[in-house]
Amino acid sequence: MRNNKVPVAKILDANDKELMAIRGISGENGNLVIRGKIFGAMPMVAKLTPAEARAALKLLDFRTFLFLLTLLFRK
């Protein structure tokens, strides 16, 4: 029996309530495109351009960068 369930990543607020359920991430036309639902109901497509990605990277300090590298290996 195959599990056809689509994986979902959730973005939570400070109270652990779901803000967004991410159902897909892809590259389209040179942008990062994130598809999902906000608050469990409203479909949304968000685009991250290369310029905005560079701006986001400037927000990271070295300590946060190290944290992101190890995030996938944490429970």
PDB file of N, CA and C in Angstrom:
ATOM      1  N   MET A   1       0.843  -1.178   0.000  1.00  0.00           N
ATOM      2  CA  MET A   1       0.000   0.000   0.000  1.00  0.00           C
ATOM      3  C   MET A   1       0.888   1.240   0.000  1.00  0.00           C
ATOM      4  N   ARG A   2       0.629   2.180  -0.896  1.00  0.00           N
ATOM      5  CA  ARG A   2       1.415   3.407  -1.007  1.00  0.00           C
ATOM      6  C   ARG A   2       0.772   4.520  -0.191  1.00  0.00           C
ATOM      7  N   ASN A   3       1.630   5.331   0.388  1.00  0.00           N
ATOM      8  CA  ASN A   3       1.164   6.503   1.102  1.00  0.00           C
ATOM      9  C   ASN A   3       1.244   7.694   0.154  1.00  0.00           C
ATOM     10  N   ASN A   4       0.095   8.158  -0.338  1.00  0.00           N
ATOM     11  CA  ASN A   4       0.046   9.261  -1.292  1.00  0.00           C
ATOM     12  C   ASN A   4      -0.117  10.609  -0.621  1.00  0.00           C
ATOM     13  N   LYS A   5       0.069  10.658   0.689  1.00  0.00           N
ATOM     14  CA  LYS A   5      -0.086  11.905   1.422  1.00  0.00           C
ATOM     15  C   LYS A   5       1.046  12.863   1.073  1.00  0.00           C
ATOM     16  N   VAL A   6       0.700  14.096   0.747  1.00  0.00           N
ATOM     17  CA  VAL A   6       1.674  15.122   0.410  1.00  0.00           C
ATOM     18  C   VAL A   6       2.316  15.627   1.700  1.00  0.00           C
ATOM     19  N   PRO A   7       3.655  15.697   1.755  1.00  0.00           N
ATOM     20  CA  PRO A   7       4.291  16.225   2.965  1.00  0.00           C
ATOM     21  C   PRO A   7       3.956  17.703   3.148  1.00  0.00           C
ATOM     22  N   VAL A   8       3.795  18.109   4.390  1.00  0.00           N
ATOM     23  CA  VAL A   8       3.447  19.487   4.713  1.00  0.00           C
ATOM     24  C   VAL A   8       4.416  19.994   5.775  1.00  0.00           C
ATOM     25  N   ALA A   9       4.951  21.195   5.553  1.00  0.00           N
ATOM     26  CA  ALA A   9       5.759  21.873   6.564  1.00  0.00           C
ATOM     27  C   ALA A   9       4.920  23.017   7.104  1.00  0.00           C
ATOM     28  N   LYS A  10       4.930  23.202   8.409  1.00  0.00           N
ATOM     29  CA  LYS A  10       4.099  24.241   9.016  1.00  0.00           C
ATOM     30  C   LYS A  10       4.961  25.348   9.600  1.00  0.00           C
ATOM     31  N   ILE A  11       4.518  26.571   9.409  1.00  0.00           N
ATOM     32  CA  ILE A  11       5.127  27.729  10.063  1.00  0.00           C
ATOM     33  C   ILE A  11       4.195  28.096  11.206  1.00  0.00           C
ATOM     34  N   LEU A  12       4.755  28.180  12.410  1.00  0.00           N
ATOM     35  CA  LEU A  12       3.962  28.414  13.611  1.00  0.00           C
ATOM     36  C   LEU A  12       4.227  29.806  14.170  1.00  0.00           C
ATOM     37  N   ASP A  13       3.242  30.325  14.909  1.00  0.00           N
ATOM     38  CA  ASP A  13       3.445  31.601  15.578  1.00  0.00           C
ATOM     39  C   ASP A  13       4.067  31.354  16.956  1.00  0.00           C
ATOM     40  N   ALA A  14       4.198  32.399  17.759  1.00  0.00           N
ATOM     41  CA  ALA A  14       4.835  32.288  19.076  1.00  0.00           C
ATOM     42  C   ALA A  14       4.050  31.395  20.033  1.00  0.00           C
ATOM     43  N   ASN A  15       2.759  31.177  19.770  1.00  0.00           N
ATOM     44  CA  ASN A  15       1.914  30.327  20.614  1.00  0.00           C
ATOM     45  C   ASN A  15       1.723  28.935  20.029  1.00  0.00           C
ATOM     46  N   ASP A  16       2.571  28.568  19.069  1.00  0.00           N
ATOM     47  CA  ASP A  16       2.510  27.272  18.390  1.00  0.00           C
ATOM     48  C   ASP A  16       1.210  27.047  17.621  1.00  0.00           C
ATOM     49  N   LYS A  17       0.581  28.117  17.176  1.00  0.00           N
ATOM     50  CA  LYS A  17      -0.596  28.024  16.316  1.00  0.00           C
ATOM     51  C   LYS A  17      -0.136  28.109  14.864  1.00  0.00           C
ATOM     52  N   GLU A  18      -0.782  27.351  14.008  1.00  0.00           N
ATOM     53  CA  GLU A  18      -0.377  27.301  12.601  1.00  0.00           C
ATOM     54  C   GLU A  18      -0.682  28.601  11.868  1.00  0.00           C
ATOM     55  N   LEU A  19       0.352  29.193  11.288  1.00  0.00           N
ATOM     56  CA  LEU A  19       0.181  30.370  10.436  1.00  0.00           C
ATOM     57  C   LEU A  19       0.059  29.958   8.979  1.00  0.00           C
ATOM     58  N   MET A  20       0.912  29.005   8.574  1.00  0.00           N
ATOM     59  CA  MET A  20       0.925  28.589   7.175  1.00  0.00           C
ATOM     60  C   MET A  20       1.307  27.122   7.064  1.00  0.00           C
ATOM     61  N   ALA A  21       0.620  26.419   6.186  1.00  0.00           N
ATOM     62  CA  ALA A  21       0.970  25.043   5.836  1.00  0.00           C
ATOM     63  C   ALA A  21       1.583  25.091   4.440  1.00  0.00           C
ATOM     64  N   ILE A  22       2.866  24.774   4.349  1.00  0.00           N
ATOM     65  CA  ILE A  22       3.571  24.807   3.071  1.00  0.00           C
ATOM     66  C   ILE A  22       3.411  23.449   2.397  1.00  0.00           C
ATOM     67  N   ARG A  23       2.886  23.454   1.181  1.00  0.00           N
ATOM     68  CA  ARG A  23       2.637  22.213   0.454  1.00  0.00           C
ATOM     69  C   ARG A  23       3.581  22.019  -0.721  1.00  0.00           C
ATOM     70  N   GLY A  24       4.302  23.070  -1.088  1.00  0.00           N
ATOM     71  CA  GLY A  24       5.229  22.925  -2.201  1.00  0.00           C
ATOM     72  C   GLY A  24       6.214  24.075  -2.272  1.00  0.00           C
ATOM     73  N   ILE A  25       7.450  23.751  -2.643  1.00  0.00           N
ATOM     74  CA  ILE A  25       8.496  24.741  -2.855  1.00  0.00           C
ATOM     75  C   ILE A  25       9.176  24.390  -4.165  1.00  0.00           C
ATOM     76  N   SER A  26       9.276  25.378  -5.052  1.00  0.00           N
ATOM     77  CA  SER A  26       9.901  25.117  -6.344  1.00  0.00           C
ATOM     78  C   SER A  26      10.574  26.381  -6.861  1.00  0.00           C
ATOM     79  N   GLY A  27      11.400  26.200  -7.861  1.00  0.00           N
ATOM     80  CA  GLY A  27      12.008  27.325  -8.546  1.00  0.00           C
ATOM     81  C   GLY A  27      11.268  27.581  -9.836  1.00  0.00           C
ATOM     82  N   GLU A  28      10.830  28.813 -10.041  1.00  0.00           N
ATOM     83  CA  GLU A  28      10.102  29.173 -11.256  1.00  0.00           C
ATOM     84  C   GLU A  28      10.545  30.558 -11.712  1.00  0.00           C
ATOM     85  N   ASN A  29      10.978  30.656 -12.946  1.00  0.00           N
ATOM     86  CA  ASN A  29      11.363  31.937 -13.541  1.00  0.00           C
ATOM     87  C   ASN A  29      12.399  32.684 -12.707  1.00  0.00           C
ATOM     88  N   GLY A  30      13.329  31.960 -12.115  1.00  0.00           N
ATOM     89  CA  GLY A  30      14.396  32.583 -11.345  1.00  0.00           C
ATOM     90  C   GLY A  30      14.007  32.973  -9.928  1.00  0.00           C
ATOM     91  N   ASN A  31      12.810  32.617  -9.478  1.00  0.00           N
ATOM     92  CA  ASN A  31      12.341  32.916  -8.126  1.00  0.00           C
ATOM     93  C   ASN A  31      12.078  31.627  -7.363  1.00  0.00           C
ATOM     94  N   LEU A  32      12.116  31.707  -6.038  1.00  0.00           N
ATOM     95  CA  LEU A  32      11.691  30.598  -5.197  1.00  0.00           C
ATOM     96  C   LEU A  32      10.200  30.789  -4.954  1.00  0.00           C
ATOM     97  N   VAL A  33       9.397  29.783  -5.297  1.00  0.00           N
ATOM     98  CA  VAL A  33       7.940  29.880  -5.166  1.00  0.00           C
ATOM     99  C   VAL A  33       7.486  28.914  -4.078  1.00  0.00           C
ATOM    100  N   ILE A  34       6.734  29.447  -3.119  1.00  0.00           N
ATOM    101  CA  ILE A  34       6.226  28.666  -1.989  1.00  0.00           C
ATOM    102  C   ILE A  34       4.706  28.647  -2.098  1.00  0.00           C
ATOM    103  N   ARG A  35       4.143  27.442  -2.128  1.00  0.00           N
ATOM    104  CA  ARG A  35       2.687  27.288  -2.232  1.00  0.00           C
ATOM    105  C   ARG A  35       2.165  26.659  -0.946  1.00  0.00           C
ATOM    106  N   GLY A  36       1.027  27.154  -0.492  1.00  0.00           N
ATOM    107  CA  GLY A  36       0.437  26.610   0.719  1.00  0.00           C
ATOM    108  C   GLY A  36      -0.868  27.282   1.066  1.00  0.00           C
ATOM    109  N   LYS A  37      -1.240  27.149   2.342  1.00  0.00           N
ATOM    110  CA  LYS A  37      -2.460  27.771   2.843  1.00  0.00           C
ATOM    111  C   LYS A  37      -2.128  28.545   4.109  1.00  0.00           C
ATOM    112  N   ILE A  38      -2.708  29.728   4.216  1.00  0.00           N
ATOM    113  CA  ILE A  38      -2.560  30.546   5.409  1.00  0.00           C
ATOM    114  C   ILE A  38      -3.757  30.292   6.318  1.00  0.00           C
ATOM    115  N   PHE A  39      -3.486  30.118   7.603  1.00  0.00           N
ATOM    116  CA  PHE A  39      -4.526  29.878   8.612  1.00  0.00           C
ATOM    117  C   PHE A  39      -5.406  28.682   8.263  1.00  0.00           C
ATOM    118  N   GLY A  40      -4.854  27.729   7.514  1.00  0.00           N
ATOM    119  CA  GLY A  40      -5.566  26.505   7.192  1.00  0.00           C
ATOM    120  C   GLY A  40      -6.664  26.635   6.153  1.00  0.00           C
ATOM    121  N   ALA A  41      -6.864  27.836   5.599  1.00  0.00           N
ATOM    122  CA  ALA A  41      -7.993  28.007   4.688  1.00  0.00           C
ATOM    123  C   ALA A  41      -7.660  28.755   3.403  1.00  0.00           C
ATOM    124  N   MET A  42      -6.879  29.811   3.480  1.00  0.00           N
ATOM    125  CA  MET A  42      -6.670  30.691   2.338  1.00  0.00           C
ATOM    126  C   MET A  42      -5.451  30.256   1.523  1.00  0.00           C
ATOM    127  N   PRO A  43      -5.651  29.797   0.276  1.00  0.00           N
ATOM    128  CA  PRO A  43      -4.513  29.400  -0.558  1.00  0.00           C
ATOM    129  C   PRO A  43      -3.607  30.607  -0.833  1.00  0.00           C
ATOM    130  N   MET A  44      -2.301  30.341  -0.903  1.00  0.00           N
ATOM    131  CA  MET A  44      -1.357  31.414  -1.126  1.00  0.00           C
ATOM    132  C   MET A  44      -0.179  30.926  -1.949  1.00  0.00           C
ATOM    133  N   VAL A  45       0.318  31.802  -2.807  1.00  0.00           N
ATOM    134  CA  VAL A  45       1.560  31.567  -3.534  1.00  0.00           C
ATOM    135  C   VAL A  45       2.471  32.740  -3.201  1.00  0.00           C
ATOM    136  N   ALA A  46       3.630  32.448  -2.602  1.00  0.00           N
ATOM    137  CA  ALA A  46       4.595  33.485  -2.249  1.00  0.00           C
ATOM    138  C   ALA A  46       5.825  33.307  -3.119  1.00  0.00           C
ATOM    139  N   LYS A  47       6.411  34.422  -3.546  1.00  0.00           N
ATOM    140  CA  LYS A  47       7.611  34.375  -4.388  1.00  0.00           C
ATOM    141  C   LYS A  47       8.744  35.108  -3.690  1.00  0.00           C
ATOM    142  N   LEU A  48       9.917  34.489  -3.701  1.00  0.00           N
ATOM    143  CA  LEU A  48      11.125  35.097  -3.159  1.00  0.00           C
ATOM    144  C   LEU A  48      12.080  35.334  -4.320  1.00  0.00           C
ATOM    145  N   THR A  49      12.341  36.594  -4.607  1.00  0.00           N
ATOM    146  CA  THR A  49      13.234  36.949  -5.712  1.00  0.00           C
ATOM    147  C   THR A  49      14.682  36.849  -5.255  1.00  0.00           C
ATOM    148  N   PRO A  50      15.625  36.768  -6.177  1.00  0.00           N
ATOM    149  CA  PRO A  50      17.039  36.729  -5.789  1.00  0.00           C
ATOM    150  C   PRO A  50      17.448  37.936  -4.936  1.00  0.00           C
ATOM    151  N   ALA A  51      16.963  39.128  -5.269  1.00  0.00           N
ATOM    152  CA  ALA A  51      17.312  40.327  -4.488  1.00  0.00           C
ATOM    153  C   ALA A  51      16.789  40.224  -3.059  1.00  0.00           C
ATOM    154  N   GLU A  52      15.576  39.714  -2.892  1.00  0.00           N
ATOM    155  CA  GLU A  52      15.010  39.568  -1.551  1.00  0.00           C
ATOM    156  C   GLU A  52      15.711  38.455  -0.775  1.00  0.00           C
ATOM    157  N   ALA A  53      16.146  37.402  -1.463  1.00  0.00           N
ATOM    158  CA  ALA A  53      16.904  36.333  -0.795  1.00  0.00           C
ATOM    159  C   ALA A  53      18.234  36.879  -0.271  1.00  0.00           C
ATOM    160  N   ARG A  54      18.901  37.711  -1.068  1.00  0.00           N
ATOM    161  CA  ARG A  54      20.152  38.331  -0.603  1.00  0.00           C
ATOM    162  C   ARG A  54      19.893  39.241   0.589  1.00  0.00           C
ATOM    163  N   ALA A  55      18.793  39.980   0.552  1.00  0.00           N
ATOM    164  CA  ALA A  55      18.442  40.856   1.672  1.00  0.00           C
ATOM    165  C   ALA A  55      18.178  40.029   2.936  1.00  0.00           C
ATOM    166  N   ALA A  56      17.517  38.886   2.787  1.00  0.00           N
ATOM    167  CA  ALA A  56      17.241  38.021   3.937  1.00  0.00           C
ATOM    168  C   ALA A  56      18.541  37.458   4.520  1.00  0.00           C
ATOM    169  N   LEU A  57      19.475  37.094   3.668  1.00  0.00           N
ATOM    170  CA  LEU A  57      20.754  36.560   4.158  1.00  0.00           C
ATOM    171  C   LEU A  57      21.527  37.602   4.954  1.00  0.00           C
ATOM    172  N   LYS A  58      21.358  38.867   4.625  1.00  0.00           N
ATOM    173  CA  LYS A  58      22.031  39.930   5.380  1.00  0.00           C
ATOM    174  C   LYS A  58      21.482  40.067   6.795  1.00  0.00           C
ATOM    175  N   LEU A  59      20.305  39.514   7.048  1.00  0.00           N
ATOM    176  CA  LEU A  59      19.717  39.550   8.387  1.00  0.00           C
ATOM    177  C   LEU A  59      20.346  38.524   9.327  1.00  0.00           C
ATOM    178  N   LEU A  60      21.058  37.554   8.767  1.00  0.00           N
ATOM    179  CA  LEU A  60      21.643  36.482   9.567  1.00  0.00           C
ATOM    180  C   LEU A  60      22.994  36.891  10.134  1.00  0.00           C
ATOM    181  N   ASP A  61      23.169  36.621  11.416  1.00  0.00           N
ATOM    182  CA  ASP A  61      24.507  36.750  11.984  1.00  0.00           C
ATOM    183  C   ASP A  61      25.148  35.361  11.982  1.00  0.00           C
ATOM    184  N   PHE A  62      26.415  35.279  12.378  1.00  0.00           N
ATOM    185  CA  PHE A  62      27.136  34.008  12.316  1.00  0.00           C
ATOM    186  C   PHE A  62      26.493  32.945  13.204  1.00  0.00           C
ATOM    187  N   ARG A  63      26.051  33.350  14.389  1.00  0.00           N
ATOM    188  CA  ARG A  63      25.440  32.397  15.324  1.00  0.00           C
ATOM    189  C   ARG A  63      24.151  31.796  14.743  1.00  0.00           C
ATOM    190  N   THR A  64      23.331  32.640  14.132  1.00  0.00           N
ATOM    191  CA  THR A  64      22.088  32.158  13.524  1.00  0.00           C
ATOM    192  C   THR A  64      22.385  31.274  12.316  1.00  0.00           C
ATOM    193  N   PHE A  65      23.407  31.618  11.544  1.00  0.00           N
ATOM    194  CA  PHE A  65      23.817  30.798  10.409  1.00  0.00           C
ATOM    195  C   PHE A  65      24.206  29.389  10.885  1.00  0.00           C
ATOM    196  N   LEU A  66      24.972  29.300  11.964  1.00  0.00           N
ATOM    197  CA  LEU A  66      25.347  27.990  12.511  1.00  0.00           C
ATOM    198  C   LEU A  66      24.119  27.222  13.004  1.00  0.00           C
ATOM    199  N   PHE A  67      23.192  27.937  13.619  1.00  0.00           N
ATOM    200  CA  PHE A  67      21.953  27.302  14.077  1.00  0.00           C
ATOM    201  C   PHE A  67      21.195  26.703  12.891  1.00  0.00           C
ATOM    202  N   LEU A  68      21.096  27.445  11.793  1.00  0.00           N
ATOM    203  CA  LEU A  68      20.387  26.933  10.608  1.00  0.00           C
ATOM    204  C   LEU A  68      21.059  25.696  10.029  1.00  0.00           C
ATOM    205  N   LEU A  69      22.375  25.668  10.071  1.00  0.00           N
ATOM    206  CA  LEU A  69      23.089  24.489   9.566  1.00  0.00           C
ATOM    207  C   LEU A  69      22.774  23.240  10.368  1.00  0.00           C
ATOM    208  N   THR A  70      22.550  23.401  11.679  1.00  0.00           N
ATOM    209  CA  THR A  70      22.301  22.242  12.534  1.00  0.00           C
ATOM    210  C   THR A  70      20.812  21.956  12.740  1.00  0.00           C
ATOM    211  N   LEU A  71      19.937  22.825  12.269  1.00  0.00           N
ATOM    212  CA  LEU A  71      18.496  22.692  12.509  1.00  0.00           C
ATOM    213  C   LEU A  71      17.925  21.368  11.998  1.00  0.00           C
ATOM    214  N   LEU A  72      18.355  20.931  10.843  1.00  0.00           N
ATOM    215  CA  LEU A  72      17.816  19.696  10.263  1.00  0.00           C
ATOM    216  C   LEU A  72      18.172  18.455  11.069  1.00  0.00           C
ATOM    217  N   PHE A  73      19.192  18.524  11.890  1.00  0.00           N
ATOM    218  CA  PHE A  73      19.642  17.370  12.651  1.00  0.00           C
ATOM    219  C   PHE A  73      19.123  17.362  14.091  1.00  0.00           C
ATOM    220  N   ARG A  74      18.285  18.315  14.432  1.00  0.00           N
ATOM    221  CA  ARG A  74      17.723  18.402  15.783  1.00  0.00           C
ATOM    222  C   ARG A  74      16.369  17.705  15.832  1.00  0.00           C
ATOM    223  N   LYS A  75      15.966  17.322  17.049  1.00  0.00           N
ATOM    224  CA  LYS A  75      14.652  16.685  17.241  1.00  0.00           C
ATOM    225  C   LYS A  75      13.583  17.717  17.421  1.00  0.00           C
TER     226      LYS A  75
END
